[in-house]
C-alpha atoms as a PDB file:
ATOM      1  CA  UNK A   1     101.600  77.869  87.503  1.00  0.00           C
ATOM      2  CA  UNK A   2      99.184  80.729  86.860  1.00  0.00           C
ATOM      3  CA  UNK A   3      96.260  79.395  88.902  1.00  0.00           C
ATOM      4  CA  UNK A   4      95.115  76.765  91.390  1.00  0.00           C
ATOM      5  CA  UNK A   5      91.934  74.770  90.811  1.00  0.00           C
ATOM      6  CA  UNK A   6      90.196  72.177  93.017  1.00  0.00           C
ATOM      7  CA  UNK A   7      87.013  70.681  91.613  1.00  0.00           C
ATOM      8  CA  UNK A   8      85.616  69.477  94.948  1.00  0.00           C
ATOM      9  CA  UNK A   9      86.906  70.621  98.339  1.00  0.00           C
ATOM     10  CA  UNK A  10      84.615  68.135 100.103  1.00  0.00           C
ATOM     11  CA  UNK A  11      86.753  65.301  98.712  1.00  0.00           C
ATOM     12  CA  UNK A  12      89.881  64.841 100.794  1.00  0.00           C
ATOM     13  CA  UNK A  13      92.300  62.235 101.991  1.00  0.00           C
ATOM     14  CA  UNK A  14      91.746  60.074 105.064  1.00  0.00           C
ATOM     15  CA  UNK A  15      91.780  61.754 108.458  1.00  0.00           C
ATOM     16  CA  UNK A  16      92.629  60.145 111.767  1.00  0.00           C
ATOM     17  CA  UNK A  17      89.556  58.885 113.644  1.00  0.00           C
ATOM     18  CA  UNK A  18      90.178  61.473 116.366  1.00  0.00           C
ATOM     19  CA  UNK A  19      92.047  64.163 114.506  1.00  0.00           C
ATOM     20  CA  UNK A  20      92.144  67.234 112.334  1.00  0.00           C
ATOM     21  CA  UNK A  21      93.699  67.269 108.876  1.00  0.00           C
ATOM     22  CA  UNK A  22      95.044  70.550 107.501  1.00  0.00           C
ATOM     23  CA  UNK A  23      96.454  71.119 104.036  1.00  0.00           C
ATOM     24  CA  UNK A  24      97.704  74.395 102.578  1.00  0.00           C
ATOM     25  CA  UNK A  25      96.109  74.927  99.166  1.00  0.00           C
ATOM     26  CA  UNK A  26      97.745  78.278  98.382  1.00  0.00           C
ATOM     27  CA  UNK A  27     100.255  80.607 100.003  1.00  0.00           C
ATOM     28  CA  UNK A  28     101.990  83.774  98.849  1.00  0.00           C
ATOM     29  CA  UNK A  29     103.006  87.170 100.258  1.00  0.00           C
ATOM     30  CA  UNK A  30      99.391  88.386 100.459  1.00  0.00           C
ATOM     31  CA  UNK A  31      97.282  85.386 101.465  1.00  0.00           C
ATOM     32  CA  UNK A  32      97.192  81.808 102.635  1.00  0.00           C
ATOM     33  CA  UNK A  33      94.363  79.318 102.057  1.00  0.00           C
ATOM     34  CA  UNK A  34      94.167  76.184 104.206  1.00  0.00           C
ATOM     35  CA  UNK A  35      91.709  73.284 103.982  1.00  0.00           C
ATOM     36  CA  UNK A  36      90.762  71.769 107.358  1.00  0.00           C
ATOM     37  CA  UNK A  37      88.917  68.498 107.911  1.00  0.00           C
ATOM     38  CA  UNK A  38      87.703  67.790 111.452  1.00  0.00           C
ATOM     39  CA  UNK A  39      86.758  64.285 112.584  1.00  0.00           C
ATOM     40  CA  UNK A  40      83.426  64.202 114.464  1.00  0.00           C
ATOM     41  CA  UNK A  41      83.827  65.566 118.001  1.00  0.00           C
ATOM     42  CA  UNK A  42      87.113  67.347 117.314  1.00  0.00           C
ATOM     43  CA  UNK A  43      87.627  70.968 118.227  1.00  0.00           C
ATOM     44  CA  UNK A  44      90.046  73.792 117.684  1.00  0.00           C
ATOM     45  CA  UNK A  45      90.393  75.607 120.999  1.00  0.00           C
ATOM     46  CA  UNK A  46      89.885  79.364 121.363  1.00  0.00           C
ATOM     47  CA  UNK A  47      92.681  81.438 119.830  1.00  0.00           C
ATOM     48  CA  UNK A  48      93.293  84.665 117.907  1.00  0.00           C
ATOM     49  CA  UNK A  49      95.145  85.588 114.725  1.00  0.00           C
ATOM     50  CA  UNK A  50      97.039  88.803 113.975  1.00  0.00           C
ATOM     51  CA  UNK A  51      95.438  89.162 110.533  1.00  0.00           C
ATOM     52  CA  UNK A  52      91.929  89.186 109.025  1.00  0.00           C
ATOM     53  CA  UNK A  53      90.588  85.793 108.001  1.00  0.00           C
ATOM     54  CA  UNK A  54      87.514  84.123 106.565  1.00  0.00           C
ATOM     55  CA  UNK A  55      85.990  80.728 107.300  1.00  0.00           C
ATOM     56  CA  UNK A  56      83.864  78.897 104.740  1.00  0.00           C
ATOM     57  CA  UNK A  57      82.235  75.641 105.821  1.00  0.00           C
ATOM     58  CA  UNK A  58      82.074  73.283 102.837  1.00  0.00           C
ATOM     59  CA  UNK A  59      80.333  70.420 104.645  1.00  0.00           C
ATOM     60  CA  UNK A  60      79.406  69.159 108.103  1.00  0.00           C
ATOM     61  CA  UNK A  61      77.771  70.503 111.243  1.00  0.00           C
ATOM     62  CA  UNK A  62      79.087  71.998 114.456  1.00  0.00           C
ATOM     63  CA  UNK A  63      79.605  75.321 116.168  1.00  0.00           C
ATOM     64  CA  UNK A  64      81.951  78.251 115.761  1.00  0.00           C
ATOM     65  CA  UNK A  65      82.704  80.723 118.545  1.00  0.00           C
ATOM     66  CA  UNK A  66      83.246  84.263 117.253  1.00  0.00           C
ATOM     67  CA  UNK A  67      84.156  86.635 120.061  1.00  0.00           C
ATOM     68  CA  UNK A  68      81.497  86.152 122.745  1.00  0.00           C
ATOM     69  CA  UNK A  69      78.928  84.495 120.451  1.00  0.00           C
ATOM     70  CA  UNK A  70      78.492  80.890 119.372  1.00  0.00           C
ATOM     71  CA  UNK A  71      76.988  80.204 115.949  1.00  0.00           C
ATOM     72  CA  UNK A  72      75.730  76.971 114.409  1.00  0.00           C
ATOM     73  CA  UNK A  73      77.627  75.878 111.328  1.00  0.00           C
ATOM     74  CA  UNK A  74      76.289  73.931 108.387  1.00  0.00           C
ATOM     75  CA  UNK A  75      77.325  73.581 104.740  1.00  0.00           C
ATOM     76  CA  UNK A  76      77.631  77.001 103.142  1.00  0.00           C
ATOM     77  CA  UNK A  77      78.173  78.949 106.389  1.00  0.00           C
ATOM     78  CA  UNK A  78      80.687  81.817 106.132  1.00  0.00           C
ATOM     79  CA  UNK A  79      82.410  84.065 108.682  1.00  0.00           C
ATOM     80  CA  UNK A  80      84.726  87.066 108.368  1.00  0.00           C
ATOM     81  CA  UNK A  81      87.012  87.685 111.346  1.00  0.00           C
ATOM     82  CA  UNK A  82      88.957  90.893 111.945  1.00  0.00           C
ATOM     83  CA  UNK A  83      92.447  90.639 113.455  1.00  0.00           C
ATOM     84  CA  UNK A  84      92.630  89.459 117.082  1.00  0.00           C
ATOM     85  CA  UNK A  85      89.030  88.155 117.248  1.00  0.00           C
ATOM     86  CA  UNK A  86      88.956  85.130 119.541  1.00  0.00           C
ATOM     87  CA  UNK A  87      87.454  82.135 117.758  1.00  0.00           C
ATOM     88  CA  UNK A  88      87.045  78.365 118.191  1.00  0.00           C
ATOM     89  CA  UNK A  89      85.450  75.520 116.223  1.00  0.00           C
ATOM     90  CA  UNK A  90      83.776  72.289 117.376  1.00  0.00           C
ATOM     91  CA  UNK A  91      82.650  69.599 114.922  1.00  0.00           C
ATOM     92  CA  UNK A  92      79.560  67.470 115.582  1.00  0.00           C
ATOM     93  CA  UNK A  93      79.985  65.598 112.298  1.00  0.00           C
ATOM     94  CA  UNK A  94      82.942  65.500 109.938  1.00  0.00           C
ATOM     95  CA  UNK A  95      83.504  69.160 109.008  1.00  0.00           C
ATOM     96  CA  UNK A  96      85.337  70.431 105.933  1.00  0.00           C
ATOM     97  CA  UNK A  97      86.341  74.092 106.269  1.00  0.00           C
ATOM     98  CA  UNK A  98      88.304  76.536 104.140  1.00  0.00           C
ATOM     99  CA  UNK A  99      90.370  79.154 106.008  1.00  0.00           C
ATOM    100  CA  UNK A 100      91.662  82.195 104.102  1.00  0.00           C
ATOM    101  CA  UNK A 101      94.121  84.515 105.847  1.00  0.00           C
ATOM    102  CA  UNK A 102      94.930  87.992 104.511  1.00  0.00           C
ATOM    103  CA  UNK A 103      98.581  88.809 105.172  1.00  0.00           C
ATOM    104  CA  UNK A 104     100.072  92.258 105.637  1.00  0.00           C
ATOM    105  CA  UNK A 105      97.011  93.754 107.357  1.00  0.00           C
ATOM    106  CA  UNK A 106      97.828  94.366 110.996  1.00  0.00           C
ATOM    107  CA  UNK A 107      95.257  94.822 113.731  1.00  0.00           C
ATOM    108  CA  UNK A 108      94.168  98.442 113.879  1.00  0.00           C
ATOM    109  CA  UNK A 109      95.568  99.228 110.419  1.00  0.00           C
END
């Protein structure tokens, strides 16, 4: 396959009433793209990643913690995170988010 195409990332399969669905859309030696769907009230606790990453919020409302700041999220919100930045996500409504990780770029490189 030469490409990957999804016509609507907001459309997804069922998620548990109190859960988070994650589905890898693409992965290779250089990057990985994962679709997350959060049920209302769900959260991803504070953590870090060893590589740069971006978050794109397709739909929903909530908050994202980036380092020491908390930002409101809504459809269309975007964040770039350098390696080792502590981050967390909390969904107020159902949230659909696209995570893209850039492999092979170490912290401080």
